[in-house]
């Protein structure tokens, strides 16, 4: 937010655009990998190409699996993980309870869904 002088919404929008660009780049590189290897002088047999496709598919699945684990493991959201995964709403609490002249309240933050294309 500080780096790009933006608010929360602008930061989330930047992350969504950055994610889309990274995803597009990964998919293009993955699609062209056998060609790039051959161009670099590496022999790519049909068996190697099949293994390469499997490896890249597993790499591509890793972020999604990590996302699912974040909500299902209980580490970050306790027993509310699946509900938070569905609603994308997280209640934040103050880090420390301090005596302030004003009243503290809970804040609900909406986490936008990012469409994967």
PDB file of N, CA and C in Angstrom:
ATOM      1  N   UNK A   1       0.833  -1.182   0.000  1.00  0.00           N
ATOM      2  CA  UNK A   1       0.000   0.000   0.000  1.00  0.00           C
ATOM      3  C   UNK A   1       0.879   1.248   0.000  1.00  0.00           C
ATOM      4  N   UNK A   2       1.956   1.192   0.780  1.00  0.00           N
ATOM      5  CA  UNK A   2       2.851   2.347   0.827  1.00  0.00           C
ATOM      6  C   UNK A   2       3.615   2.496  -0.486  1.00  0.00           C
ATOM      7  N   UNK A   3       4.092   1.378  -1.014  1.00  0.00           N
ATOM      8  CA  UNK A   3       4.905   1.419  -2.229  1.00  0.00           C
ATOM      9  C   UNK A   3       4.142   2.047  -3.400  1.00  0.00           C
ATOM     10  N   UNK A   4       2.869   1.719  -3.532  1.00  0.00           N
ATOM     11  CA  UNK A   4       2.080   2.215  -4.661  1.00  0.00           C
ATOM     12  C   UNK A   4       1.098   3.313  -4.262  1.00  0.00           C
ATOM     13  N   UNK A   5       1.244   3.825  -3.056  1.00  0.00           N
ATOM     14  CA  UNK A   5       0.378   4.892  -2.548  1.00  0.00           C
ATOM     15  C   UNK A   5      -1.098   4.592  -2.855  1.00  0.00           C
ATOM     16  N   UNK A   6      -1.567   3.493  -2.299  1.00  0.00           N
ATOM     17  CA  UNK A   6      -2.941   3.087  -2.556  1.00  0.00           C
ATOM     18  C   UNK A   6      -3.609   2.658  -1.254  1.00  0.00           C
ATOM     19  N   UNK A   7      -4.911   2.451  -1.324  1.00  0.00           N
ATOM     20  CA  UNK A   7      -5.664   1.989  -0.162  1.00  0.00           C
ATOM     21  C   UNK A   7      -5.786   0.463  -0.210  1.00  0.00           C
ATOM     22  N   UNK A   8      -6.553  -0.098   0.713  1.00  0.00           N
ATOM     23  CA  UNK A   8      -6.718  -1.547   0.812  1.00  0.00           C
ATOM     24  C   UNK A   8      -7.271  -2.122  -0.497  1.00  0.00           C
ATOM     25  N   UNK A   9      -8.310  -1.482  -1.030  1.00  0.00           N
ATOM     26  CA  UNK A   9      -8.931  -1.973  -2.261  1.00  0.00           C
ATOM     27  C   UNK A   9      -7.929  -1.947  -3.411  1.00  0.00           C
ATOM     28  N   UNK A  10      -7.187  -0.860  -3.532  1.00  0.00           N
ATOM     29  CA  UNK A  10      -6.178  -0.769  -4.583  1.00  0.00           C
ATOM     30  C   UNK A  10      -5.108  -1.837  -4.438  1.00  0.00           C
ATOM     31  N   UNK A  11      -4.727  -2.141  -3.201  1.00  0.00           N
ATOM     32  CA  UNK A  11      -3.722  -3.171  -2.955  1.00  0.00           C
ATOM     33  C   UNK A  11      -4.248  -4.548  -3.359  1.00  0.00           C
ATOM     34  N   UNK A  12      -5.487  -4.841  -3.008  1.00  0.00           N
ATOM     35  CA  UNK A  12      -6.080  -6.129  -3.365  1.00  0.00           C
ATOM     36  C   UNK A  12      -6.208  -6.232  -4.887  1.00  0.00           C
ATOM     37  N   UNK A  13      -6.588  -5.143  -5.540  1.00  0.00           N
ATOM     38  CA  UNK A  13      -6.687  -5.150  -7.000  1.00  0.00           C
ATOM     39  C   UNK A  13      -5.313  -5.373  -7.633  1.00  0.00           C
ATOM     40  N   UNK A  14      -4.259  -4.764  -7.052  1.00  0.00           N
ATOM     41  CA  UNK A  14      -2.913  -4.968  -7.568  1.00  0.00           C
ATOM     42  C   UNK A  14      -2.510  -6.432  -7.438  1.00  0.00           C
ATOM     43  N   UNK A  15      -2.791  -7.024  -6.281  1.00  0.00           N
ATOM     44  CA  UNK A  15      -2.450  -8.433  -6.064  1.00  0.00           C
ATOM     45  C   UNK A  15      -3.186  -9.319  -7.070  1.00  0.00           C
ATOM     46  N   UNK A  16      -4.465  -9.029  -7.320  1.00  0.00           N
ATOM     47  CA  UNK A  16      -5.244  -9.825  -8.279  1.00  0.00           C
ATOM     48  C   UNK A  16      -4.645  -9.707  -9.684  1.00  0.00           C
ATOM     49  N   UNK A  17      -4.278  -8.492 -10.101  1.00  0.00           N
ATOM     50  CA  UNK A  17      -3.658  -8.310 -11.426  1.00  0.00           C
ATOM     51  C   UNK A  17      -2.306  -9.024 -11.490  1.00  0.00           C
ATOM     52  N   UNK A  18      -1.519  -8.879 -10.433  1.00  0.00           N
ATOM     53  CA  UNK A  18      -0.199  -9.521 -10.390  1.00  0.00           C
ATOM     54  C   UNK A  18      -0.354 -11.038 -10.468  1.00  0.00           C
ATOM     55  N   UNK A  19      -1.313 -11.580  -9.742  1.00  0.00           N
ATOM     56  CA  UNK A  19      -1.576 -13.023  -9.767  1.00  0.00           C
ATOM     57  C   UNK A  19      -1.945 -13.469 -11.175  1.00  0.00           C
ATOM     58  N   UNK A  20      -2.818 -12.718 -11.839  1.00  0.00           N
ATOM     59  CA  UNK A  20      -3.238 -13.056 -13.199  1.00  0.00           C
ATOM     60  C   UNK A  20      -2.041 -13.051 -14.154  1.00  0.00           C
ATOM     61  N   UNK A  21      -1.179 -12.042 -14.016  1.00  0.00           N
ATOM     62  CA  UNK A  21       0.005 -11.977 -14.879  1.00  0.00           C
ATOM     63  C   UNK A  21       0.960 -13.134 -14.611  1.00  0.00           C
ATOM     64  N   UNK A  22       1.186 -13.467 -13.334  1.00  0.00           N
ATOM     65  CA  UNK A  22       2.051 -14.599 -12.994  1.00  0.00           C
ATOM     66  C   UNK A  22       1.470 -15.910 -13.518  1.00  0.00           C
ATOM     67  N   UNK A  23       0.165 -16.055 -13.381  1.00  0.00           N
ATOM     68  CA  UNK A  23      -0.498 -17.265 -13.849  1.00  0.00           C
ATOM     69  C   UNK A  23      -0.345 -17.399 -15.363  1.00  0.00           C
ATOM     70  N   UNK A  24      -0.597 -16.318 -16.082  1.00  0.00           N
ATOM     71  CA  UNK A  24      -0.475 -16.331 -17.540  1.00  0.00           C
ATOM     72  C   UNK A  24       0.962 -16.689 -17.946  1.00  0.00           C
ATOM     73  N   UNK A  25       1.931 -16.076 -17.281  1.00  0.00           N
ATOM     74  CA  UNK A  25       3.336 -16.335 -17.584  1.00  0.00           C
ATOM     75  C   UNK A  25       3.694 -17.801 -17.321  1.00  0.00           C
ATOM     76  N   UNK A  26       3.271 -18.330 -16.180  1.00  0.00           N
ATOM     77  CA  UNK A  26       3.548 -19.727 -15.843  1.00  0.00           C
ATOM     78  C   UNK A  26       2.965 -20.664 -16.891  1.00  0.00           C
ATOM     79  N   UNK A  27       1.710 -20.429 -17.269  1.00  0.00           N
ATOM     80  CA  UNK A  27       1.058 -21.315 -18.235  1.00  0.00           C
ATOM     81  C   UNK A  27       1.729 -21.249 -19.604  1.00  0.00           C
ATOM     82  N   UNK A  28       2.145 -20.057 -20.018  1.00  0.00           N
ATOM     83  CA  UNK A  28       2.859 -19.921 -21.294  1.00  0.00           C
ATOM     84  C   UNK A  28       4.201 -20.643 -21.250  1.00  0.00           C
ATOM     85  N   UNK A  29       4.950 -20.452 -20.156  1.00  0.00           N
ATOM     86  CA  UNK A  29       6.241 -21.130 -20.019  1.00  0.00           C
ATOM     87  C   UNK A  29       6.063 -22.647 -19.948  1.00  0.00           C
ATOM     88  N   UNK A  30       5.059 -23.093 -19.228  1.00  0.00           N
ATOM     89  CA  UNK A  30       4.807 -24.529 -19.110  1.00  0.00           C
ATOM     90  C   UNK A  30       4.455 -25.125 -20.473  1.00  0.00           C
ATOM     91  N   UNK A  31       3.624 -24.423 -21.228  1.00  0.00           N
ATOM     92  CA  UNK A  31       3.212 -24.904 -22.551  1.00  0.00           C
ATOM     93  C   UNK A  31       4.417 -24.996 -23.494  1.00  0.00           C
ATOM     94  N   UNK A  32       5.318 -24.011 -23.405  1.00  0.00           N
ATOM     95  CA  UNK A  32       6.457 -23.934 -24.327  1.00  0.00           C
ATOM     96  C   UNK A  32       7.713 -24.628 -23.820  1.00  0.00           C
ATOM     97  N   UNK A  33       7.675 -25.275 -22.668  1.00  0.00           N
ATOM     98  CA  UNK A  33       8.882 -25.837 -22.069  1.00  0.00           C
ATOM     99  C   UNK A  33       9.589 -26.849 -22.970  1.00  0.00           C
ATOM    100  N   UNK A  34       8.884 -27.834 -23.529  1.00  0.00           N
ATOM    101  CA  UNK A  34       9.602 -28.779 -24.399  1.00  0.00           C
ATOM    102  C   UNK A  34      10.275 -28.074 -25.585  1.00  0.00           C
ATOM    103  N   UNK A  35       9.590 -27.128 -26.170  1.00  0.00           N
ATOM    104  CA  UNK A  35      10.148 -26.368 -27.297  1.00  0.00           C
ATOM    105  C   UNK A  35      11.373 -25.576 -26.856  1.00  0.00           C
ATOM    106  N   UNK A  36      11.280 -24.919 -25.707  1.00  0.00           N
ATOM    107  CA  UNK A  36      12.411 -24.134 -25.189  1.00  0.00           C
ATOM    108  C   UNK A  36      13.616 -25.037 -24.898  1.00  0.00           C
ATOM    109  N   UNK A  37      13.363 -26.215 -24.368  1.00  0.00           N
ATOM    110  CA  UNK A  37      14.457 -27.144 -24.085  1.00  0.00           C
ATOM    111  C   UNK A  37      15.127 -27.590 -25.385  1.00  0.00           C
ATOM    112  N   UNK A  38      14.319 -27.949 -26.380  1.00  0.00           N
ATOM    113  CA  UNK A  38      14.884 -28.368 -27.668  1.00  0.00           C
ATOM    114  C   UNK A  38      15.692 -27.242 -28.289  1.00  0.00           C
ATOM    115  N   UNK A  39      15.164 -26.012 -28.184  1.00  0.00           N
ATOM    116  CA  UNK A  39      15.855 -24.853 -28.739  1.00  0.00           C
ATOM    117  C   UNK A  39      17.211 -24.638 -28.049  1.00  0.00           C
ATOM    118  N   UNK A  40      17.275 -25.029 -26.767  1.00  0.00           N
ATOM    119  CA  UNK A  40      18.524 -24.899 -26.008  1.00  0.00           C
ATOM    120  C   UNK A  40      19.455 -26.092 -26.243  1.00  0.00           C
ATOM    121  N   UNK A  41      19.039 -27.021 -27.119  1.00  0.00           N
ATOM    122  CA  UNK A  41      19.895 -28.162 -27.444  1.00  0.00           C
ATOM    123  C   UNK A  41      19.687 -29.378 -26.575  1.00  0.00           C
ATOM    124  N   UNK A  42      18.622 -29.406 -25.775  1.00  0.00           N
ATOM    125  CA  UNK A  42      18.348 -30.546 -24.900  1.00  0.00           C
ATOM    126  C   UNK A  42      17.464 -31.538 -25.648  1.00  0.00           C
ATOM    127  N   UNK A  43      17.885 -32.813 -25.641  1.00  0.00           N
ATOM    128  CA  UNK A  43      17.071 -33.864 -26.253  1.00  0.00           C
ATOM    129  C   UNK A  43      15.862 -34.137 -25.362  1.00  0.00           C
ATOM    130  N   UNK A  44      14.656 -34.067 -25.920  1.00  0.00           N
ATOM    131  CA  UNK A  44      13.429 -34.306 -25.152  1.00  0.00           C
ATOM    132  C   UNK A  44      12.686 -35.460 -25.803  1.00  0.00           C
ATOM    133  N   UNK A  45      12.778 -36.629 -25.171  1.00  0.00           N
ATOM    134  CA  UNK A  45      12.058 -37.797 -25.691  1.00  0.00           C
ATOM    135  C   UNK A  45      10.579 -37.666 -25.351  1.00  0.00           C
ATOM    136  N   UNK A  46       9.767 -38.518 -25.968  1.00  0.00           N
ATOM    137  CA  UNK A  46       8.330 -38.470 -25.668  1.00  0.00           C
ATOM    138  C   UNK A  46       8.085 -38.851 -24.204  1.00  0.00           C
ATOM    139  N   UNK A  47       8.904 -39.771 -23.682  1.00  0.00           N
ATOM    140  CA  UNK A  47       8.768 -40.149 -22.262  1.00  0.00           C
ATOM    141  C   UNK A  47       9.134 -38.959 -21.360  1.00  0.00           C
ATOM    142  N   UNK A  48      10.233 -38.280 -21.686  1.00  0.00           N
ATOM    143  CA  UNK A  48      10.637 -37.109 -20.905  1.00  0.00           C
ATOM    144  C   UNK A  48       9.577 -36.017 -20.984  1.00  0.00           C
ATOM    145  N   UNK A  49       9.026 -35.842 -22.163  1.00  0.00           N
ATOM    146  CA  UNK A  49       7.991 -34.811 -22.335  1.00  0.00           C
ATOM    147  C   UNK A  49       6.768 -35.140 -21.486  1.00  0.00           C
ATOM    148  N   UNK A  50       6.401 -36.409 -21.418  1.00  0.00           N
ATOM    149  CA  UNK A  50       5.270 -36.832 -20.581  1.00  0.00           C
ATOM    150  C   UNK A  50       5.575 -36.573 -19.100  1.00  0.00           C
ATOM    151  N   UNK A  51       6.785 -36.933 -18.658  1.00  0.00           N
ATOM    152  CA  UNK A  51       7.178 -36.705 -17.271  1.00  0.00           C
ATOM    153  C   UNK A  51       7.227 -35.205 -16.950  1.00  0.00           C
ATOM    154  N   UNK A  52       7.698 -34.442 -17.891  1.00  0.00           N
ATOM    155  CA  UNK A  52       7.747 -32.990 -17.727  1.00  0.00           C
ATOM    156  C   UNK A  52       6.348 -32.413 -17.561  1.00  0.00           C
ATOM    157  N   UNK A  53       5.412 -32.901 -18.388  1.00  0.00           N
ATOM    158  CA  UNK A  53       4.016 -32.440 -18.278  1.00  0.00           C
ATOM    159  C   UNK A  53       3.435 -32.774 -16.901  1.00  0.00           C
ATOM    160  N   UNK A  54       3.711 -33.975 -16.417  1.00  0.00           N
ATOM    161  CA  UNK A  54       3.226 -34.374 -15.091  1.00  0.00           C
ATOM    162  C   UNK A  54       3.815 -33.483 -14.003  1.00  0.00           C
ATOM    163  N   UNK A  55       5.110 -33.243 -14.068  1.00  0.00           N
ATOM    164  CA  UNK A  55       5.786 -32.420 -13.077  1.00  0.00           C
ATOM    165  C   UNK A  55       5.229 -31.003 -13.062  1.00  0.00           C
ATOM    166  N   UNK A  56       5.061 -30.420 -14.237  1.00  0.00           N
ATOM    167  CA  UNK A  56       4.531 -29.061 -14.339  1.00  0.00           C
ATOM    168  C   UNK A  56       3.086 -29.016 -13.832  1.00  0.00           C
ATOM    169  N   UNK A  57       2.301 -30.052 -14.118  1.00  0.00           N
ATOM    170  CA  UNK A  57       0.917 -30.099 -13.626  1.00  0.00           C
ATOM    171  C   UNK A  57       0.899 -30.119 -12.095  1.00  0.00           C
ATOM    172  N   UNK A  58       1.819 -30.877 -11.502  1.00  0.00           N
ATOM    173  CA  UNK A  58       1.885 -30.920 -10.038  1.00  0.00           C
ATOM    174  C   UNK A  58       2.356 -29.581  -9.469  1.00  0.00           C
ATOM    175  N   UNK A  59       3.308 -28.936 -10.130  1.00  0.00           N
ATOM    176  CA  UNK A  59       3.728 -27.598  -9.712  1.00  0.00           C
ATOM    177  C   UNK A  59       2.558 -26.617  -9.778  1.00  0.00           C
ATOM    178  N   UNK A  60       1.783 -26.721 -10.845  1.00  0.00           N
ATOM    179  CA  UNK A  60       0.642 -25.822 -11.024  1.00  0.00           C
ATOM    180  C   UNK A  60      -0.416 -26.054  -9.943  1.00  0.00           C
ATOM    181  N   UNK A  61      -0.536 -27.283  -9.476  1.00  0.00           N
ATOM    182  CA  UNK A  61      -1.535 -27.607  -8.460  1.00  0.00           C
ATOM    183  C   UNK A  61      -1.112 -27.172  -7.057  1.00  0.00           C
ATOM    184  N   UNK A  62       0.166 -26.969  -6.847  1.00  0.00           N
ATOM    185  CA  UNK A  62       0.706 -26.654  -5.533  1.00  0.00           C
ATOM    186  C   UNK A  62       0.054 -25.425  -4.897  1.00  0.00           C
ATOM    187  N   UNK A  63      -0.047 -24.273  -5.563  1.00  0.00           N
ATOM    188  CA  UNK A  63      -0.692 -23.118  -4.913  1.00  0.00           C
ATOM    189  C   UNK A  63      -2.135 -23.397  -4.511  1.00  0.00           C
ATOM    190  N   UNK A  64      -2.875 -24.127  -5.339  1.00  0.00           N
ATOM    191  CA  UNK A  64      -4.266 -24.440  -5.009  1.00  0.00           C
ATOM    192  C   UNK A  64      -4.335 -25.364  -3.800  1.00  0.00           C
ATOM    193  N   UNK A  65      -3.447 -26.334  -3.757  1.00  0.00           N
ATOM    194  CA  UNK A  65      -3.416 -27.247  -2.613  1.00  0.00           C
ATOM    195  C   UNK A  65      -3.049 -26.491  -1.343  1.00  0.00           C
ATOM    196  N   UNK A  66      -2.117 -25.563  -1.453  1.00  0.00           N
ATOM    197  CA  UNK A  66      -1.721 -24.766  -0.300  1.00  0.00           C
ATOM    198  C   UNK A  66      -2.889 -23.903   0.182  1.00  0.00           C
ATOM    199  N   UNK A  67      -3.635 -23.333  -0.758  1.00  0.00           N
ATOM    200  CA  UNK A  67      -4.814 -22.537  -0.400  1.00  0.00           C
ATOM    201  C   UNK A  67      -5.827 -23.392   0.364  1.00  0.00           C
ATOM    202  N   UNK A  68      -6.099 -24.589  -0.144  1.00  0.00           N
ATOM    203  CA  UNK A  68      -7.048 -25.478   0.531  1.00  0.00           C
ATOM    204  C   UNK A  68      -6.536 -25.837   1.930  1.00  0.00           C
ATOM    205  N   UNK A  69      -5.249 -26.144   2.057  1.00  0.00           N
ATOM    206  CA  UNK A  69      -4.680 -26.513   3.352  1.00  0.00           C
ATOM    207  C   UNK A  69      -4.829 -25.359   4.348  1.00  0.00           C
ATOM    208  N   UNK A  70      -4.643 -24.123   3.866  1.00  0.00           N
ATOM    209  CA  UNK A  70      -4.748 -22.958   4.741  1.00  0.00           C
ATOM    210  C   UNK A  70      -6.093 -22.931   5.461  1.00  0.00           C
ATOM    211  N   UNK A  71      -7.155 -23.250   4.751  1.00  0.00           N
ATOM    212  CA  UNK A  71      -8.492 -23.206   5.342  1.00  0.00           C
ATOM    213  C   UNK A  71      -8.848 -24.496   6.078  1.00  0.00           C
ATOM    214  N   UNK A  72      -8.350 -25.626   5.618  1.00  0.00           N
ATOM    215  CA  UNK A  72      -8.757 -26.918   6.184  1.00  0.00           C
ATOM    216  C   UNK A  72      -7.931 -27.357   7.389  1.00  0.00           C
ATOM    217  N   UNK A  73      -6.721 -26.847   7.547  1.00  0.00           N
ATOM    218  CA  UNK A  73      -5.820 -27.367   8.574  1.00  0.00           C
ATOM    219  C   UNK A  73      -6.154 -26.903   9.987  1.00  0.00           C
ATOM    220  N   UNK A  74      -6.823 -25.777  10.115  1.00  0.00           N
ATOM    221  CA  UNK A  74      -7.090 -25.235  11.434  1.00  0.00           C
ATOM    222  C   UNK A  74      -5.991 -24.328  11.943  1.00  0.00           C
ATOM    223  N   UNK A  75      -4.874 -24.280  11.245  1.00  0.00           N
ATOM    224  CA  UNK A  75      -3.737 -23.480  11.720  1.00  0.00           C
ATOM    225  C   UNK A  75      -4.059 -21.991  11.756  1.00  0.00           C
ATOM    226  N   UNK A  76      -4.703 -21.490  10.733  1.00  0.00           N
ATOM    227  CA  UNK A  76      -4.941 -20.056  10.647  1.00  0.00           C
ATOM    228  C   UNK A  76      -6.331 -19.626  11.096  1.00  0.00           C
ATOM    229  N   UNK A  77      -7.329 -20.462  10.885  1.00  0.00           N
ATOM    230  CA  UNK A  77      -8.708 -20.053  11.154  1.00  0.00           C
ATOM    231  C   UNK A  77      -9.423 -20.961  12.139  1.00  0.00           C
ATOM    232  N   UNK A  78      -8.682 -21.862  12.773  1.00  0.00           N
ATOM    233  CA  UNK A  78      -9.298 -22.763  13.736  1.00  0.00           C
ATOM    234  C   UNK A  78     -10.375 -23.622  13.092  1.00  0.00           C
ATOM    235  N   UNK A  79     -11.473 -23.804  13.812  1.00  0.00           N
ATOM    236  CA  UNK A  79     -12.560 -24.632  13.278  1.00  0.00           C
ATOM    237  C   UNK A  79     -13.488 -23.846  12.350  1.00  0.00           C
ATOM    238  N   UNK A  80     -13.177 -22.592  12.066  1.00  0.00           N
ATOM    239  CA  UNK A  80     -14.007 -21.763  11.195  1.00  0.00           C
ATOM    240  C   UNK A  80     -13.466 -21.677   9.766  1.00  0.00           C
ATOM    241  N   UNK A  81     -12.412 -22.428   9.473  1.00  0.00           N
ATOM    242  CA  UNK A  81     -11.738 -22.345   8.182  1.00  0.00           C
ATOM    243  C   UNK A  81     -12.623 -22.582   6.977  1.00  0.00           C
ATOM    244  N   UNK A  82     -13.442 -23.629   7.012  1.00  0.00           N
ATOM    245  CA  UNK A  82     -14.272 -23.936   5.855  1.00  0.00           C
ATOM    246  C   UNK A  82     -15.338 -22.866   5.633  1.00  0.00           C
ATOM    247  N   UNK A  83     -15.888 -22.325   6.719  1.00  0.00           N
ATOM    248  CA  UNK A  83     -16.876 -21.238   6.581  1.00  0.00           C
ATOM    249  C   UNK A  83     -16.213 -19.989   6.006  1.00  0.00           C
ATOM    250  N   UNK A  84     -15.012 -19.697   6.471  1.00  0.00           N
ATOM    251  CA  UNK A  84     -14.283 -18.531   5.963  1.00  0.00           C
ATOM    252  C   UNK A  84     -13.914 -18.739   4.498  1.00  0.00           C
ATOM    253  N   UNK A  85     -13.545 -19.962   4.151  1.00  0.00           N
ATOM    254  CA  UNK A  85     -13.219 -20.260   2.752  1.00  0.00           C
ATOM    255  C   UNK A  85     -14.438 -20.011   1.859  1.00  0.00           C
ATOM    256  N   UNK A  86     -15.604 -20.351   2.346  1.00  0.00           N
ATOM    257  CA  UNK A  86     -16.828 -20.173   1.563  1.00  0.00           C
ATOM    258  C   UNK A  86     -17.267 -18.712   1.501  1.00  0.00           C
ATOM    259  N   UNK A  87     -17.254 -18.028   2.619  1.00  0.00           N
ATOM    260  CA  UNK A  87     -17.767 -16.650   2.657  1.00  0.00           C
ATOM    261  C   UNK A  87     -16.715 -15.613   2.315  1.00  0.00           C
ATOM    262  N   UNK A  88     -15.435 -15.975   2.512  1.00  0.00           N
ATOM    263  CA  UNK A  88     -14.293 -15.061   2.332  1.00  0.00           C
ATOM    264  C   UNK A  88     -14.362 -13.868   3.290  1.00  0.00           C
ATOM    265  N   UNK A  89     -15.005 -14.050   4.438  1.00  0.00           N
ATOM    266  CA  UNK A  89     -15.100 -13.003   5.455  1.00  0.00           C
ATOM    267  C   UNK A  89     -14.315 -13.431   6.686  1.00  0.00           C
ATOM    268  N   UNK A  90     -13.443 -12.541   7.142  1.00  0.00           N
ATOM    269  CA  UNK A  90     -12.613 -12.821   8.309  1.00  0.00           C
ATOM    270  C   UNK A  90     -12.820 -11.703   9.315  1.00  0.00           C
ATOM    271  N   UNK A  91     -13.135 -12.069  10.551  1.00  0.00           N
ATOM    272  CA  UNK A  91     -13.240 -11.060  11.604  1.00  0.00           C
ATOM    273  C   UNK A  91     -11.860 -10.848  12.190  1.00  0.00           C
ATOM    274  N   UNK A  92     -11.435  -9.616  12.209  1.00  0.00           N
ATOM    275  CA  UNK A  92     -10.132  -9.317  12.794  1.00  0.00           C
ATOM    276  C   UNK A  92     -10.327  -8.810  14.209  1.00  0.00           C
ATOM    277  N   UNK A  93      -9.358  -9.088  15.028  1.00  0.00           N
ATOM    278  CA  UNK A  93      -9.404  -8.662  16.416  1.00  0.00           C
ATOM    279  C   UNK A  93      -8.160  -7.822  16.686  1.00  0.00           C
ATOM    280  N   UNK A  94      -8.228  -6.954  17.677  1.00  0.00           N
ATOM    281  CA  UNK A  94      -7.017  -6.201  18.028  1.00  0.00           C
ATOM    282  C   UNK A  94      -5.922  -7.149  18.509  1.00  0.00           C
ATOM    283  N   UNK A  95      -4.653  -6.802  18.237  1.00  0.00           N
ATOM    284  CA  UNK A  95      -3.545  -7.658  18.667  1.00  0.00           C
ATOM    285  C   UNK A  95      -3.459  -7.725  20.183  1.00  0.00           C
ATOM    286  N   UNK A  96      -3.638  -6.586  20.834  1.00  0.00           N
ATOM    287  CA  UNK A  96      -3.577  -6.529  22.291  1.00  0.00           C
ATOM    288  C   UNK A  96      -4.786  -5.754  22.791  1.00  0.00           C
ATOM    289  N   UNK A  97      -5.226  -6.145  23.938  1.00  0.00           N
ATOM    290  CA  UNK A  97      -6.293  -5.392  24.560  1.00  0.00           C
ATOM    291  C   UNK A  97      -5.643  -4.250  25.339  1.00  0.00           C
ATOM    292  N   UNK A  98      -5.992  -3.038  24.964  1.00  0.00           N
ATOM    293  CA  UNK A  98      -5.428  -1.864  25.632  1.00  0.00           C
ATOM    294  C   UNK A  98      -6.571  -0.954  26.056  1.00  0.00           C
ATOM    295  N   UNK A  99      -6.335  -0.204  27.073  1.00  0.00           N
ATOM    296  CA  UNK A  99      -7.349   0.746  27.530  1.00  0.00           C
ATOM    297  C   UNK A  99      -7.231   2.018  26.705  1.00  0.00           C
ATOM    298  N   UNK A 100      -8.221   2.224  25.860  1.00  0.00           N
ATOM    299  CA  UNK A 100      -8.268   3.420  25.023  1.00  0.00           C
ATOM    300  C   UNK A 100      -9.502   4.232  25.395  1.00  0.00           C
ATOM    301  N   UNK A 101      -9.453   5.527  25.185  1.00  0.00           N
ATOM    302  CA  UNK A 101     -10.624   6.340  25.496  1.00  0.00           C
ATOM    303  C   UNK A 101     -11.812   6.028  24.585  1.00  0.00           C
ATOM    304  N   UNK A 102     -11.557   5.426  23.416  1.00  0.00           N
ATOM    305  CA  UNK A 102     -12.676   5.103  22.525  1.00  0.00           C
ATOM    306  C   UNK A 102     -12.994   3.612  22.623  1.00  0.00           C
ATOM    307  N   UNK A 103     -14.168   3.231  22.173  1.00  0.00           N
ATOM    308  CA  UNK A 103     -14.611   1.839  22.256  1.00  0.00           C
ATOM    309  C   UNK A 103     -14.027   1.042  21.080  1.00  0.00           C
ATOM    310  N   UNK A 104     -13.495  -0.158  21.348  1.00  0.00           N
ATOM    311  CA  UNK A 104     -12.993  -1.021  20.285  1.00  0.00           C
ATOM    312  C   UNK A 104     -14.121  -1.904  19.788  1.00  0.00           C
ATOM    313  N   UNK A 105     -14.166  -2.120  18.489  1.00  0.00           N
ATOM    314  CA  UNK A 105     -15.168  -2.999  17.902  1.00  0.00           C
ATOM    315  C   UNK A 105     -14.486  -3.980  16.963  1.00  0.00           C
ATOM    316  N   UNK A 106     -15.170  -5.084  16.682  1.00  0.00           N
ATOM    317  CA  UNK A 106     -14.667  -6.047  15.715  1.00  0.00           C
ATOM    318  C   UNK A 106     -14.851  -5.466  14.319  1.00  0.00           C
ATOM    319  N   UNK A 107     -13.969  -5.832  13.428  1.00  0.00           N
ATOM    320  CA  UNK A 107     -14.038  -5.388  12.046  1.00  0.00           C
ATOM    321  C   UNK A 107     -14.131  -6.620  11.172  1.00  0.00           C
ATOM    322  N   UNK A 108     -15.010  -6.596  10.169  1.00  0.00           N
ATOM    323  CA  UNK A 108     -15.113  -7.688   9.223  1.00  0.00           C
ATOM    324  C   UNK A 108     -14.464  -7.251   7.920  1.00  0.00           C
ATOM    325  N   UNK A 109     -13.545  -8.077   7.430  1.00  0.00           N
ATOM    326  CA  UNK A 109     -12.838  -7.773   6.196  1.00  0.00           C
ATOM    327  C   UNK A 109     -13.287  -8.754   5.122  1.00  0.00           C
ATOM    328  N   UNK A 110     -13.662  -8.254   3.970  1.00  0.00           N
ATOM    329  CA  UNK A 110     -14.065  -9.111   2.868  1.00  0.00           C
ATOM    330  C   UNK A 110     -12.843  -9.403   1.996  1.00  0.00           C
ATOM    331  N   UNK A 111     -12.598 -10.681   1.741  1.00  0.00           N
ATOM    332  CA  UNK A 111     -11.498 -11.094   0.883  1.00  0.00           C
ATOM    333  C   UNK A 111     -12.093 -11.438  -0.469  1.00  0.00           C
ATOM    334  N   UNK A 112     -11.791 -10.667  -1.502  1.00  0.00           N
ATOM    335  CA  UNK A 112     -12.409 -10.930  -2.804  1.00  0.00           C
ATOM    336  C   UNK A 112     -11.905 -12.236  -3.419  1.00  0.00           C
ATOM    337  N   UNK A 113     -12.772 -12.887  -4.182  1.00  0.00           N
ATOM    338  CA  UNK A 113     -12.396 -14.098  -4.903  1.00  0.00           C
ATOM    339  C   UNK A 113     -11.654 -13.667  -6.157  1.00  0.00           C
ATOM    340  N   UNK A 114     -10.655 -14.411  -6.545  1.00  0.00           N
ATOM    341  CA  UNK A 114      -9.922 -14.150  -7.768  1.00  0.00           C
ATOM    342  C   UNK A 114     -10.296 -15.242  -8.756  1.00  0.00           C
ATOM    343  N   UNK A 115     -10.802 -14.854  -9.918  1.00  0.00           N
ATOM    344  CA  UNK A 115     -11.191 -15.820 -10.936  1.00  0.00           C
ATOM    345  C   UNK A 115      -9.949 -16.398 -11.589  1.00  0.00           C
ATOM    346  N   UNK A 116      -9.875 -17.698 -11.690  1.00  0.00           N
ATOM    347  CA  UNK A 116      -8.778 -18.372 -12.356  1.00  0.00           C
ATOM    348  C   UNK A 116      -9.270 -18.757 -13.745  1.00  0.00           C
ATOM    349  N   UNK A 117      -8.547 -18.315 -14.731  1.00  0.00           N
ATOM    350  CA  UNK A 117      -8.978 -18.572 -16.108  1.00  0.00           C
ATOM    351  C   UNK A 117      -8.125 -19.600 -16.783  1.00  0.00           C
TER     352      UNK A 117
END
